């Protein structure tokens, strides 16, 4: 194995963040866990350091330690100095003065970072008033401006919305607005673009890049998205099993990795063929990489004439009435057949998650029809509808919100069995839970642990296990890999693919990751503003798009090559500038 590269010299004389021999130990019911071991790194003003590694590698723990937000059962050693204050050992008064002003954080899961009972504008204004002497009216106006800066449409109206009234991507943008409200000297961003579609992701990275350049804000970026790293980071630090294994400039680490683990990590990155060269992928086939090299996304997945597992015909959904009405879906039609995967893609708020909830029967269409396993949902009685739903497995976007914190992992996974297979004994349920944990490549011992004791990626695999425990006929996966690092993402997609071949279930795959959709889905529907903008075989639609909207989506996908990505970013910004000039003219 190769030695750790020394950190690159900072651009300026001082560091806004200095970690020296940082260690973190958690005390659990089963013993102590050494989560972080001897980590030393720094961030200079105006610099971005990307901290990458697999789920459970300790990267988020490092970020929490730098904020003084470790759980009560954690013990930190070494030093974590932020703007001259050592976070390790600092009292709560010192930490409160630093958080939100000198150092701020964008959390991975917006559902837990936002108060569900408070309007988003008020939450942002509260952050501002906690650290500035400013009137309530001025703070409210500043909140609206911040919502506009992070790309939320109609910010005046959205400021009066509650978090549950926003899409997942919009909630993440609200969290980012809160984090940059007081223009901190250090911004710690833990997976800041996880819930964002590619176009908004590009806009957010542009915003953070401008903030760092204009105010000298240092950024510690925790991410598993190597395209984001290539697009945004100056330096990269790679973590494995709680320790740093490689650090260096972004071009060195991504293009000339020295450590075997870094090489494995980069080899697992899904690559959108059209985004880089438009030519053949690594296996010689368009878009083939990772799981797709074994399982071609455009291979027929359904027998000719097979009845769809779920079908939407001319479905429209309207929320609210009058001037407040929101047209979430407008005449959408698609079908998913047994054994095939249909990808739903589009920007945040495009209607893709609403369409998936219509397919589940959780939202009643305003117009149109929904057929599930051959039965018209509108004409199906409650008991029969419940029986139909027993054939559906669901993986939601946010594993924290979808897993009951009061249950163990085993109880969470067994819950569908208790509801739909009541005659099973406790021992039979435990056996099925153990088997499905094996299938999603989690150790059986996690069944005794609480969801809060697992990393974000491990929690998402628990959600997948719960969805698969009934061996469903239809799997609805809403951003199932958004919280996963690239190697685990590849493994999970392989698991879904293997189980789909074994069980023959249909899969409705909702995602903003076009590279994953290209490698995994047989067909794709591109959503825009509630409509199906374009649909067809993935190989044709994503390699040879017919609409400008799909082409813009593809152009916004970051690629894990910093040299190529710089050129793509410059081309994208030039295109946007030309478009604005044309509109003004």
Protein backbone atom coordinates (compact mmCIF):
# COMPACT_ATOMS: atom_id res chain seq x y z
CA UNK A 1 0.00 0.00 0.00
CA UNK A 2 1.21 3.50 -0.77
CA UNK A 3 2.11 6.06 1.84
CA UNK A 4 -0.03 9.07 2.70
CA UNK A 5 0.86 12.12 0.66
CA UNK A 6 1.68 15.23 2.68
CA UNK A 7 -0.95 17.99 2.57
CA UNK A 8 -0.42 20.65 -0.06
CA UNK A 9 0.70 24.06 1.15
CA UNK A 10 -2.22 26.42 1.79
CA UNK A 11 -2.87 29.31 -0.52
CA UNK A 12 -2.53 31.80 2.35
CA UNK A 13 -0.43 31.96 5.50
CA UNK A 14 -3.03 30.80 8.06
CA UNK A 15 -5.63 28.04 8.30
CA UNK A 16 -9.27 28.49 9.20
CA UNK A 17 -9.38 24.80 10.22
CA UNK A 18 -6.55 22.71 11.68
CA UNK A 19 -7.05 19.09 12.74
CA UNK A 20 -4.07 17.48 14.45
CA UNK A 21 -4.09 13.78 15.38
CA UNK A 22 -7.88 13.83 15.80
CA UNK A 23 -9.38 10.67 17.22
CA UNK A 24 -13.00 9.82 18.04
CA UNK A 25 -14.19 6.83 20.08
CA UNK A 26 -17.85 5.90 20.57
CA UNK A 27 -19.00 3.93 23.60
CA UNK A 28 -21.86 1.58 22.64
CA UNK A 29 -23.74 -1.26 24.30
CA UNK A 30 -21.52 -3.74 22.48
CA UNK A 31 -18.25 -1.99 23.36
CA UNK A 32 -16.11 0.88 22.11
CA UNK A 33 -15.84 1.79 18.43
CA UNK A 34 -12.80 3.70 17.12
CA UNK A 35 -14.48 5.81 14.43
CA UNK A 36 -11.60 8.20 13.66
CA UNK A 37 -7.88 7.50 14.12
CA UNK A 38 -5.13 10.11 14.00
CA UNK A 39 -6.59 12.42 11.36
CA UNK A 40 -4.55 15.54 10.56
CA UNK A 41 -5.64 18.00 7.89
CA UNK A 42 -6.17 21.71 7.31
CA UNK A 43 -8.32 24.13 5.33
CA UNK A 44 -7.04 27.57 4.31
CA UNK A 45 -9.29 30.61 3.80
CA UNK A 46 -10.93 30.47 0.38
CA UNK A 47 -9.90 26.84 -0.13
CA UNK A 48 -12.08 23.75 -0.56
CA UNK A 49 -10.92 20.42 0.87
CA UNK A 50 -13.02 17.39 -0.13
CA UNK A 51 -13.17 14.58 2.42
CA UNK A 52 -14.15 11.35 0.65
CA UNK A 53 -14.45 7.68 1.51
CA UNK A 54 -16.93 4.86 1.86
CA UNK A 55 -19.94 4.95 4.14
CA UNK A 56 -18.71 4.35 7.69
CA UNK A 57 -15.16 5.55 6.91
CA UNK A 58 -15.45 8.32 9.50
CA UNK A 59 -15.69 11.35 7.22
CA UNK A 60 -18.98 12.66 8.67
CA UNK A 61 -17.64 12.05 12.19
CA UNK A 62 -14.66 14.29 11.39
CA UNK A 63 -17.06 17.01 10.20
CA UNK A 64 -19.18 16.75 13.37
CA UNK A 65 -16.07 16.85 15.55
CA UNK A 66 -14.98 20.09 13.85
CA UNK A 67 -18.36 21.60 14.79
CA UNK A 68 -18.39 20.20 18.33
CA UNK A 69 -21.55 18.27 17.52
CA UNK A 70 -20.48 14.75 18.47
CA UNK A 71 -23.01 12.61 20.34
CA UNK A 72 -22.84 12.26 24.11
CA UNK A 73 -21.31 8.78 23.88
CA UNK A 74 -18.35 10.08 21.82
CA UNK A 75 -14.93 11.05 23.16
CA UNK A 76 -12.58 13.15 21.01
CA UNK A 77 -8.80 13.38 21.37
CA UNK A 78 -6.21 15.51 19.62
CA UNK A 79 -7.09 19.03 18.47
CA UNK A 80 -9.62 20.61 16.11
CA UNK A 81 -8.85 24.33 15.90
CA UNK A 82 -11.36 26.62 14.14
CA UNK A 83 -10.30 30.25 13.78
CA UNK A 84 -8.02 29.96 16.83
CA UNK A 85 -10.47 28.06 19.09
CA UNK A 86 -9.85 24.39 19.89
CA UNK A 87 -13.23 22.69 19.52
CA UNK A 88 -12.03 19.65 21.48
CA UNK A 89 -12.56 20.67 25.08
CA UNK A 90 -14.36 23.97 24.34
CA UNK A 91 -17.37 24.75 26.52
CA UNK A 92 -20.90 25.20 25.18
CA UNK A 93 -20.72 29.00 25.38
CA UNK A 94 -17.64 29.09 23.14
CA UNK A 95 -19.20 26.64 20.71
CA UNK A 96 -22.49 28.59 20.52
CA UNK A 97 -20.58 31.78 19.67
CA UNK A 98 -18.75 30.00 16.82
CA UNK A 99 -21.60 28.00 15.29
CA UNK A 100 -23.63 29.81 12.68
CA UNK A 101 -21.26 32.75 12.48
CA UNK A 102 -17.61 31.67 12.25
CA UNK A 103 -18.37 28.09 11.28
CA UNK A 104 -21.57 26.73 9.78
CA UNK A 105 -22.71 23.35 8.52
CA UNK A 106 -24.89 22.00 5.74
CA UNK A 107 -26.27 18.71 7.02
CA UNK A 108 -26.79 15.61 4.92
CA UNK A 109 -30.48 15.09 5.73
CA UNK A 110 -32.62 18.24 5.42
CA UNK A 111 -35.68 16.54 6.93
CA UNK A 112 -33.94 16.38 10.31
CA UNK A 113 -32.19 19.76 10.02
CA UNK A 114 -35.41 21.76 9.58
CA UNK A 115 -38.22 22.34 12.10
CA UNK A 116 -41.34 20.83 10.49
CA UNK A 117 -43.64 23.24 12.40
CA UNK A 118 -41.91 26.52 11.45
CA UNK A 119 -42.06 28.32 8.12
CA UNK A 120 -38.75 28.18 6.27
CA UNK A 121 -38.37 31.97 6.03
CA UNK A 122 -38.72 32.28 9.79
CA UNK A 123 -36.10 29.56 10.34
CA UNK A 124 -33.58 31.38 8.15
CA UNK A 125 -34.37 34.73 9.81
CA UNK A 126 -33.83 33.17 13.24
CA UNK A 127 -30.31 32.07 12.25
CA UNK A 128 -29.54 35.63 11.13
CA UNK A 129 -30.92 37.28 14.29
CA UNK A 130 -29.05 34.86 16.55
CA UNK A 131 -25.78 36.46 15.46
CA UNK A 132 -26.67 39.92 14.18
CA UNK A 133 -28.45 42.95 15.61
CA UNK A 134 -31.10 43.28 12.93
CA UNK A 135 -34.85 43.93 12.91
CA UNK A 136 -37.33 41.12 12.26
CA UNK A 137 -38.42 42.81 9.01
CA UNK A 138 -34.85 43.11 7.73
CA UNK A 139 -34.10 39.50 8.70
CA UNK A 140 -37.22 38.33 6.84
CA UNK A 141 -36.17 40.28 3.74
CA UNK A 142 -32.67 38.81 3.98
CA UNK A 143 -34.21 35.30 4.23
CA UNK A 144 -36.13 35.86 0.99
CA UNK A 145 -32.96 37.07 -0.74
CA UNK A 146 -31.06 33.99 0.45
CA UNK A 147 -33.80 31.73 -0.93
CA UNK A 148 -33.44 33.53 -4.25
CA UNK A 149 -29.63 33.10 -4.17
CA UNK A 150 -29.89 29.34 -3.73
CA UNK A 151 -32.25 29.06 -6.70
CA UNK A 152 -35.68 28.55 -5.10
CA UNK A 153 -38.43 29.87 -7.41
CA UNK A 154 -40.94 32.40 -6.05
CA UNK A 155 -38.90 32.95 -2.86
CA UNK A 156 -41.42 35.34 -1.31
CA UNK A 157 -44.08 32.65 -1.45
CA UNK A 158 -41.75 29.80 -0.48
CA UNK A 159 -40.56 31.74 2.59
CA UNK A 160 -44.09 31.28 3.96
CA UNK A 161 -44.03 27.52 3.27
CA UNK A 162 -43.42 24.74 5.78
CA UNK A 163 -40.66 22.19 5.03
CA UNK A 164 -43.16 19.45 4.17
CA UNK A 165 -44.55 21.65 1.39
CA UNK A 166 -41.19 21.66 -0.42
CA UNK A 167 -39.51 18.95 -2.45
CA UNK A 168 -36.43 17.16 -1.10
CA UNK A 169 -34.14 19.26 -3.27
CA UNK A 170 -35.83 22.49 -2.21
CA UNK A 171 -35.46 21.57 1.47
CA UNK A 172 -31.75 21.01 0.92
CA UNK A 173 -31.47 24.43 -0.65
CA UNK A 174 -33.16 25.96 2.41
CA UNK A 175 -30.54 24.27 4.62
CA UNK A 176 -27.78 25.74 2.44
CA UNK A 177 -29.38 29.18 2.69
CA UNK A 178 -29.35 28.89 6.50
CA UNK A 179 -25.71 27.82 6.48
CA UNK A 180 -24.50 30.78 4.40
CA UNK A 181 -26.81 33.34 6.06
CA UNK A 182 -24.02 34.91 8.15
CA UNK A 183 -21.22 34.38 5.60
CA UNK A 184 -19.14 32.08 7.84
CA UNK A 185 -15.35 31.84 7.70
CA UNK A 186 -15.62 28.02 7.51
CA UNK A 187 -18.43 26.11 5.86
CA UNK A 188 -18.64 22.39 6.57
CA UNK A 189 -20.81 20.79 3.91
CA UNK A 190 -21.82 17.18 4.60
CA UNK A 191 -23.16 15.83 1.30
CA UNK A 192 -24.64 19.25 0.35
CA UNK A 193 -25.83 18.13 -3.09
CA UNK A 194 -27.16 14.66 -2.20
CA UNK A 195 -30.83 15.58 -2.69
CA UNK A 196 -30.33 17.96 -5.61
CA UNK A 197 -30.90 17.38 -9.31
CA UNK A 198 -27.91 17.96 -11.56
CA UNK A 199 -28.87 21.44 -12.77
CA UNK A 200 -29.52 22.78 -9.27
CA UNK A 201 -26.42 20.96 -8.03
CA UNK A 202 -24.37 22.89 -10.58
CA UNK A 203 -25.99 26.16 -9.47
CA UNK A 204 -25.31 25.42 -5.78
CA UNK A 205 -21.67 24.60 -6.48
CA UNK A 206 -21.38 27.85 -8.45
CA UNK A 207 -22.87 29.69 -5.46
CA UNK A 208 -20.51 28.07 -2.94
CA UNK A 209 -17.57 28.70 -5.28
CA UNK A 210 -18.46 32.41 -5.47
CA UNK A 211 -18.87 32.59 -1.69
CA UNK A 212 -15.42 31.10 -1.15
CA UNK A 213 -13.85 33.46 -3.71
CA UNK A 214 -15.62 36.65 -2.60
CA UNK A 215 -15.53 36.24 1.19
CA UNK A 216 -12.54 33.95 1.68
CA UNK A 217 -14.72 31.24 3.21
CA UNK A 218 -12.94 27.92 3.61
CA UNK A 219 -15.00 24.82 2.74
CA UNK A 220 -14.70 21.30 4.14
CA UNK A 221 -16.74 19.25 1.68
CA UNK A 222 -17.81 15.77 2.79
CA UNK A 223 -19.10 13.82 -0.20
CA UNK A 224 -19.17 10.53 -2.05
CA UNK A 225 -19.82 12.21 -5.42
CA UNK A 226 -16.55 12.25 -7.30
CA UNK A 227 -18.01 14.47 -10.00
CA UNK A 228 -18.70 17.12 -7.36
CA UNK A 229 -15.15 16.69 -6.04
CA UNK A 230 -13.71 17.20 -9.53
CA UNK A 231 -15.93 20.24 -10.09
CA UNK A 232 -15.43 21.99 -6.76
CA UNK A 233 -12.46 20.86 -4.67
CA UNK A 234 -8.92 22.24 -4.57
CA UNK A 235 -7.57 19.33 -2.54
CA UNK A 236 -8.83 15.84 -1.63
CA UNK A 237 -8.38 13.75 1.52
CA UNK A 238 -9.36 10.07 1.27
CA UNK A 239 -10.50 8.20 4.40
CA UNK A 240 -10.64 4.45 4.97
CA UNK A 241 -11.69 2.75 8.20
CA UNK A 242 -11.31 5.94 10.22
CA UNK A 243 -7.87 6.98 8.95
CA UNK A 244 -6.50 9.14 6.14
CA UNK A 245 -4.88 7.06 3.41
CA UNK A 246 -4.18 9.75 0.81
CA UNK A 247 -4.26 13.54 0.51
CA UNK A 248 -3.24 15.84 -2.29
CA UNK A 249 -4.35 18.26 -5.04
CA UNK A 250 -7.56 17.22 -6.76
CA UNK A 251 -5.87 16.46 -10.08
CA UNK A 252 -3.27 14.22 -8.46
CA UNK A 253 -5.75 12.21 -6.39
CA UNK A 254 -8.45 11.77 -9.05
CA UNK A 255 -6.21 11.34 -12.09
CA UNK A 256 -3.08 9.80 -10.54
CA UNK A 257 -4.20 8.05 -7.31
CA UNK A 258 -1.37 6.61 -5.25
CA UNK A 259 -3.28 4.39 -2.82
CA UNK A 260 -4.92 1.10 -3.79
CA UNK A 261 -8.11 2.02 -1.93
CA UNK A 262 -8.43 5.32 -3.84
CA UNK A 263 -8.03 3.42 -7.10
CA UNK A 264 -10.82 1.00 -6.11
CA UNK A 265 -13.06 3.88 -5.07
CA UNK A 266 -12.61 5.68 -8.39
CA UNK A 267 -13.15 2.51 -10.40
CA UNK A 268 -16.65 2.19 -8.88
CA UNK A 269 -17.77 5.66 -10.02
CA UNK A 270 -20.67 5.44 -12.51
CA UNK A 271 -19.85 7.50 -15.60
CA UNK A 272 -22.35 9.06 -17.95
CA UNK A 273 -20.98 8.24 -21.40
CA UNK A 274 -22.46 11.19 -23.24
CA UNK A 275 -21.17 13.58 -20.57
CA UNK A 276 -17.52 12.82 -21.30
CA UNK A 277 -17.02 11.70 -24.86
CA UNK A 278 -20.22 10.37 -26.35
CA UNK A 279 -18.25 7.28 -27.30
CA UNK A 280 -18.27 3.73 -26.01
CA UNK A 281 -17.86 3.00 -22.33
CA UNK A 282 -15.18 0.84 -20.70
CA UNK A 283 -16.71 -2.40 -21.91
CA UNK A 284 -17.10 -1.17 -25.46
CA UNK A 285 -20.84 -0.55 -25.15
CA UNK A 286 -22.47 2.85 -24.76
CA UNK A 287 -22.85 3.72 -21.11
CA UNK A 288 -21.54 0.39 -19.82
CA UNK A 289 -19.79 0.65 -16.49
CA UNK A 290 -19.96 -1.18 -13.21
CA UNK A 291 -23.12 -3.23 -12.92
CA UNK A 292 -24.18 -2.29 -16.42
CA UNK A 293 -21.20 -4.07 -17.97
CA UNK A 294 -22.85 -7.30 -16.85
CA UNK A 295 -26.48 -6.20 -17.13
CA UNK A 296 -27.12 -4.02 -20.21
CA UNK A 297 -29.63 -1.30 -19.34
CA UNK A 298 -31.27 -1.49 -22.78
CA UNK A 299 -31.81 -5.24 -22.81
CA UNK A 300 -35.51 -6.16 -23.01
CA UNK A 301 -36.78 -6.76 -19.49
CA UNK A 302 -40.39 -7.75 -20.16
CA UNK A 303 -42.01 -10.42 -22.25
CA UNK A 304 -43.91 -9.05 -25.29
CA UNK A 305 -47.53 -8.36 -24.34
CA UNK A 306 -46.89 -8.81 -20.60
CA UNK A 307 -49.36 -6.96 -18.39
CA UNK A 308 -47.75 -3.93 -16.73
CA UNK A 309 -47.12 -4.11 -12.99
CA UNK A 310 -48.22 -0.48 -12.82
CA UNK A 311 -49.55 1.88 -15.51
CA UNK A 312 -50.43 5.57 -15.43
CA UNK A 313 -52.72 6.84 -18.20
CA UNK A 314 -53.03 10.61 -18.77
CA UNK A 315 -52.64 11.29 -15.03
CA UNK A 316 -52.94 14.84 -13.68
CA UNK A 317 -52.56 15.92 -10.05
CA UNK A 318 -53.54 19.31 -8.67
CA UNK A 319 -52.84 20.32 -5.07
CA UNK A 320 -54.92 23.14 -3.58
CA UNK A 321 -57.55 25.33 -5.20
CA UNK A 322 -57.87 28.64 -6.96
CA UNK A 323 -54.82 30.85 -7.17
CA UNK A 324 -52.96 28.60 -4.70
CA UNK A 325 -53.42 25.50 -6.87
CA UNK A 326 -50.23 23.65 -7.84
CA UNK A 327 -50.34 21.46 -10.96
CA UNK A 328 -47.91 18.73 -9.90
CA UNK A 329 -48.64 16.38 -12.83
CA UNK A 330 -50.12 17.24 -16.24
CA UNK A 331 -51.27 14.34 -18.39
CA UNK A 332 -48.47 11.89 -17.54
CA UNK A 333 -48.55 8.38 -19.02
CA UNK A 334 -46.09 5.50 -18.58
CA UNK A 335 -46.03 1.80 -17.69
CA UNK A 336 -43.57 -0.50 -15.92
CA UNK A 337 -43.56 -4.18 -16.86
CA UNK A 338 -42.41 -7.20 -14.82
CA UNK A 339 -38.66 -7.67 -14.93
CA UNK A 340 -37.84 -4.19 -16.26
CA UNK A 341 -36.62 -0.96 -14.68
CA UNK A 342 -38.07 2.40 -15.68
CA UNK A 343 -36.08 5.47 -14.64
CA UNK A 344 -37.89 8.70 -13.74
CA UNK A 345 -35.54 11.68 -13.98
CA UNK A 346 -35.87 15.45 -13.92
CA UNK A 347 -35.20 18.51 -11.86
CA UNK A 348 -36.33 18.94 -8.28
CA UNK A 349 -40.05 19.72 -8.32
CA UNK A 350 -40.53 18.24 -11.80
CA UNK A 351 -43.13 15.78 -10.49
CA UNK A 352 -41.14 12.54 -10.49
CA UNK A 353 -41.71 11.77 -6.79
CA UNK A 354 -45.40 12.73 -7.13
CA UNK A 355 -45.70 10.28 -10.03
CA UNK A 356 -44.16 7.52 -7.92
CA UNK A 357 -46.63 8.21 -5.09
CA UNK A 358 -49.50 8.07 -7.57
CA UNK A 359 -48.20 4.66 -8.65
CA UNK A 360 -48.25 3.55 -5.01
CA UNK A 361 -51.82 4.72 -4.54
CA UNK A 362 -50.75 7.28 -1.94
CA UNK A 363 -51.97 10.21 -4.07
CA UNK A 364 -55.32 10.10 -5.87
CA UNK A 365 -55.12 11.59 -9.37
CA UNK A 366 -57.25 14.61 -10.20
CA UNK A 367 -57.68 13.09 -13.68
CA UNK A 368 -56.55 9.94 -15.47
CA UNK A 369 -56.28 6.36 -14.24
CA UNK A 370 -53.81 4.13 -12.40
CA UNK A 371 -53.67 0.36 -12.85
CA UNK A 372 -51.75 -1.76 -10.34
CA UNK A 373 -51.22 -5.46 -11.14
CA UNK A 374 -54.16 -5.27 -13.55
CA UNK A 375 -56.56 -3.67 -11.05
CA UNK A 376 -57.93 -0.13 -11.39
CA UNK A 377 -56.98 1.55 -8.09
CA UNK A 378 -59.91 3.98 -8.23
CA UNK A 379 -62.37 1.05 -8.38
CA UNK A 380 -60.60 -1.13 -5.79
CA UNK A 381 -62.00 -1.43 -2.27
CA UNK A 382 -59.83 -0.76 0.76
CA UNK A 383 -59.20 -4.43 1.69
CA UNK A 384 -58.32 -5.42 -1.88
CA UNK A 385 -56.12 -2.35 -2.21
CA UNK A 386 -54.21 -3.39 0.91
CA UNK A 387 -53.64 -6.83 -0.59
CA UNK A 388 -52.30 -5.21 -3.76
CA UNK A 389 -49.91 -3.06 -1.75
CA UNK A 390 -48.44 -6.18 -0.14
CA UNK A 391 -46.84 -6.74 -3.54
CA UNK A 392 -45.00 -3.40 -3.46
CA UNK A 393 -41.66 -2.64 -1.87
CA UNK A 394 -40.71 0.98 -1.28
CA UNK A 395 -37.33 2.63 -0.73
CA UNK A 396 -37.70 6.30 0.22
CA UNK A 397 -35.21 9.10 -0.31
CA UNK A 398 -34.55 9.88 3.36
CA UNK A 399 -33.66 6.82 5.49
CA UNK A 400 -33.72 8.79 8.75
CA UNK A 401 -37.32 9.88 8.25
CA UNK A 402 -38.45 6.44 7.02
CA UNK A 403 -36.94 4.35 9.85
CA UNK A 404 -38.55 4.43 13.32
CA UNK A 405 -35.86 5.57 15.77
CA UNK A 406 -37.62 3.67 18.59
CA UNK A 407 -37.15 0.32 16.84
CA UNK A 408 -34.09 -1.80 16.30
CA UNK A 409 -32.94 -2.41 12.73
CA UNK A 410 -34.36 -5.93 12.91
CA UNK A 411 -37.76 -4.62 14.01
CA UNK A 412 -37.78 -2.03 11.20
CA UNK A 413 -37.04 -4.67 8.56
CA UNK A 414 -39.59 -7.11 10.04
CA UNK A 415 -42.42 -4.56 10.15
CA UNK A 416 -43.86 -5.47 6.68
CA UNK A 417 -43.84 -9.14 7.73
CA UNK A 418 -45.83 -8.35 10.89
CA UNK A 419 -48.39 -6.40 8.83
CA UNK A 420 -48.80 -8.69 5.81
CA UNK A 421 -47.71 -12.13 7.08
CA UNK A 422 -49.15 -12.30 10.56
CA UNK A 423 -49.00 -16.11 10.79
CA UNK A 424 -45.19 -16.16 10.83
CA UNK A 425 -43.56 -17.02 14.14
CA UNK A 426 -40.96 -14.74 15.72
CA UNK A 427 -38.20 -17.18 14.79
CA UNK A 428 -39.36 -17.30 11.15
CA UNK A 429 -39.38 -13.49 10.98
CA UNK A 430 -35.86 -13.32 12.44
CA UNK A 431 -34.65 -15.82 9.83
CA UNK A 432 -36.17 -13.81 6.96
CA UNK A 433 -34.68 -10.59 8.34
CA UNK A 434 -31.24 -12.19 8.58
CA UNK A 435 -31.52 -13.46 4.99
CA UNK A 436 -32.50 -10.09 3.55
CA UNK A 437 -29.71 -8.32 5.48
CA UNK A 438 -27.32 -10.75 3.81
CA UNK A 439 -28.84 -9.86 0.44
CA UNK A 440 -28.15 -6.13 0.90
CA UNK A 441 -24.68 -6.96 2.24
CA UNK A 442 -25.14 -5.87 5.83
CA UNK A 443 -23.85 -8.03 8.71
CA UNK A 444 -26.63 -9.86 10.54
CA UNK A 445 -25.48 -8.31 13.83
CA UNK A 446 -26.88 -4.88 12.83
CA UNK A 447 -30.38 -6.29 13.45
CA UNK A 448 -29.80 -5.65 17.17
CA UNK A 449 -28.63 -2.06 16.68
CA UNK A 450 -30.62 1.17 16.49
CA UNK A 451 -30.81 3.08 13.17
CA UNK A 452 -29.02 6.06 14.78
CA UNK A 453 -25.95 3.88 15.33
CA UNK A 454 -25.50 3.33 11.58
CA UNK A 455 -24.04 5.57 8.91
CA UNK A 456 -26.29 7.21 6.30
CA UNK A 457 -25.41 4.61 3.69
CA UNK A 458 -26.01 1.73 6.08
CA UNK A 459 -29.43 3.15 6.99
CA UNK A 460 -30.34 3.32 3.31
CA UNK A 461 -29.45 -0.35 2.91
CA UNK A 462 -31.71 -1.12 5.87
CA UNK A 463 -34.52 0.66 3.99
CA UNK A 464 -33.77 -1.48 0.94
CA UNK A 465 -33.84 -4.64 3.07
CA UNK A 466 -37.25 -3.69 4.45
CA UNK A 467 -38.54 -3.10 0.90
CA UNK A 468 -37.30 -6.50 -0.29
CA UNK A 469 -38.30 -8.63 2.69
CA UNK A 470 -41.73 -9.44 1.16
CA UNK A 471 -40.19 -10.32 -2.24
CA UNK A 472 -42.31 -7.68 -4.02
CA UNK A 473 -43.75 -7.70 -7.55
CA UNK A 474 -43.05 -3.97 -7.85
CA UNK A 475 -40.18 -2.03 -6.27
CA UNK A 476 -40.61 1.74 -6.13
CA UNK A 477 -37.21 3.28 -5.37
CA UNK A 478 -37.20 7.04 -4.75
CA UNK A 479 -33.52 8.13 -4.86
CA UNK A 480 -32.39 4.76 -3.39
CA UNK A 481 -28.66 5.42 -3.88
CA UNK A 482 -28.52 9.17 -3.18
CA UNK A 483 -27.07 8.63 0.31
CA UNK A 484 -24.61 5.93 -0.72
CA UNK A 485 -20.93 6.20 -1.55
CA UNK A 486 -19.95 5.00 -4.99
CA UNK A 487 -18.68 1.53 -4.05
CA UNK A 488 -21.72 0.75 -1.89
CA UNK A 489 -23.97 2.28 -4.55
CA UNK A 490 -22.52 -0.11 -7.11
CA UNK A 491 -23.03 -3.03 -4.74
CA UNK A 492 -26.65 -2.05 -3.99
CA UNK A 493 -27.48 -1.69 -7.69
CA UNK A 494 -25.95 -5.10 -8.32
CA UNK A 495 -28.10 -6.52 -5.49
CA UNK A 496 -31.26 -4.98 -6.92
CA UNK A 497 -30.35 -6.26 -10.39
CA UNK A 498 -29.64 -9.78 -9.14
CA UNK A 499 -32.87 -9.91 -7.13
CA UNK A 500 -34.84 -8.53 -10.06
CA UNK A 501 -33.54 -11.33 -12.26
CA UNK A 502 -34.36 -13.85 -9.53
CA UNK A 503 -37.81 -12.54 -8.55
CA UNK A 504 -38.86 -10.81 -11.77
CA UNK A 505 -40.24 -7.70 -10.09
CA UNK A 506 -40.80 -4.42 -11.94
CA UNK A 507 -38.80 -1.43 -10.71
CA UNK A 508 -39.79 2.24 -10.84
CA UNK A 509 -36.48 3.98 -10.24
CA UNK A 510 -36.72 7.70 -9.32
CA UNK A 511 -33.37 9.47 -9.44
CA UNK A 512 -31.57 12.68 -10.29
CA UNK A 513 -28.34 10.76 -10.98
CA UNK A 514 -28.37 10.34 -14.75
CA UNK A 515 -25.24 8.18 -14.74
CA UNK A 516 -26.90 5.65 -12.42
CA UNK A 517 -30.09 5.69 -14.51
CA UNK A 518 -28.08 5.14 -17.69
CA UNK A 519 -26.36 2.07 -16.29
CA UNK A 520 -29.39 0.60 -14.52
CA UNK A 521 -32.71 1.47 -16.21
CA UNK A 522 -34.00 -0.12 -19.43
CA UNK A 523 -36.27 2.82 -20.22
CA UNK A 524 -36.38 6.41 -18.97
CA UNK A 525 -38.99 9.16 -18.59
CA UNK A 526 -37.65 12.71 -18.41
CA UNK A 527 -39.96 14.89 -16.28
CA UNK A 528 -40.25 18.66 -16.49
CA UNK A 529 -42.75 20.91 -14.66
CA UNK A 530 -45.18 18.03 -14.17
CA UNK A 531 -45.04 16.75 -17.74
CA UNK A 532 -43.28 13.81 -19.41
CA UNK A 533 -40.91 15.83 -21.59
CA UNK A 534 -39.32 12.83 -23.29
CA UNK A 535 -39.33 9.05 -22.86
CA UNK A 536 -37.92 5.96 -24.51
CA UNK A 537 -35.13 3.41 -24.27
CA UNK A 538 -32.36 4.71 -22.02
CA UNK A 539 -29.71 4.00 -24.63
CA UNK A 540 -31.47 6.28 -27.12
CA UNK A 541 -32.87 8.98 -24.83
CA UNK A 542 -29.72 9.75 -22.84
CA UNK A 543 -27.23 9.22 -25.66
CA UNK A 544 -29.27 11.01 -28.33
CA UNK A 545 -31.78 13.32 -26.58
CA UNK A 546 -34.44 14.98 -28.68
CA UNK A 547 -35.24 17.98 -26.45
CA UNK A 548 -33.13 20.93 -25.31
CA UNK A 549 -34.21 20.29 -21.72
CA UNK A 550 -32.74 16.77 -21.68
CA UNK A 551 -29.57 18.10 -23.29
CA UNK A 552 -29.27 20.74 -20.54
CA UNK A 553 -29.69 18.05 -17.88
CA UNK A 554 -26.92 15.97 -19.42
CA UNK A 555 -24.61 18.99 -19.76
CA UNK A 556 -24.97 19.74 -16.04
CA UNK A 557 -23.72 16.30 -14.93
CA UNK A 558 -20.25 16.68 -13.35
CA UNK A 559 -17.64 14.13 -14.42
CA UNK A 560 -14.92 12.75 -12.11
CA UNK A 561 -12.10 14.36 -14.09
CA UNK A 562 -11.11 17.85 -12.86
CA UNK A 563 -9.49 18.84 -16.18
CA UNK A 564 -12.49 17.79 -18.28
CA UNK A 565 -14.90 19.23 -15.74
CA UNK A 566 -13.31 22.68 -15.81
CA UNK A 567 -13.91 22.80 -19.56
CA UNK A 568 -17.49 21.56 -19.21
CA UNK A 569 -18.21 24.12 -16.48
CA UNK A 570 -16.82 26.97 -18.59
CA UNK A 571 -18.90 25.82 -21.57
CA UNK A 572 -22.06 25.54 -19.44
CA UNK A 573 -21.59 29.00 -17.91
CA UNK A 574 -20.94 30.50 -21.35
CA UNK A 575 -24.14 28.90 -22.67
CA UNK A 576 -26.14 30.25 -19.72
CA UNK A 577 -24.66 33.73 -20.19
CA UNK A 578 -25.50 33.66 -23.90
CA UNK A 579 -29.05 32.60 -23.08
CA UNK A 580 -29.49 35.46 -20.61
CA UNK A 581 -28.12 37.94 -23.13
CA UNK A 582 -30.55 36.66 -25.78
CA UNK A 583 -33.50 36.99 -23.36
CA UNK A 584 -32.52 40.56 -22.47
CA UNK A 585 -32.13 41.43 -26.15
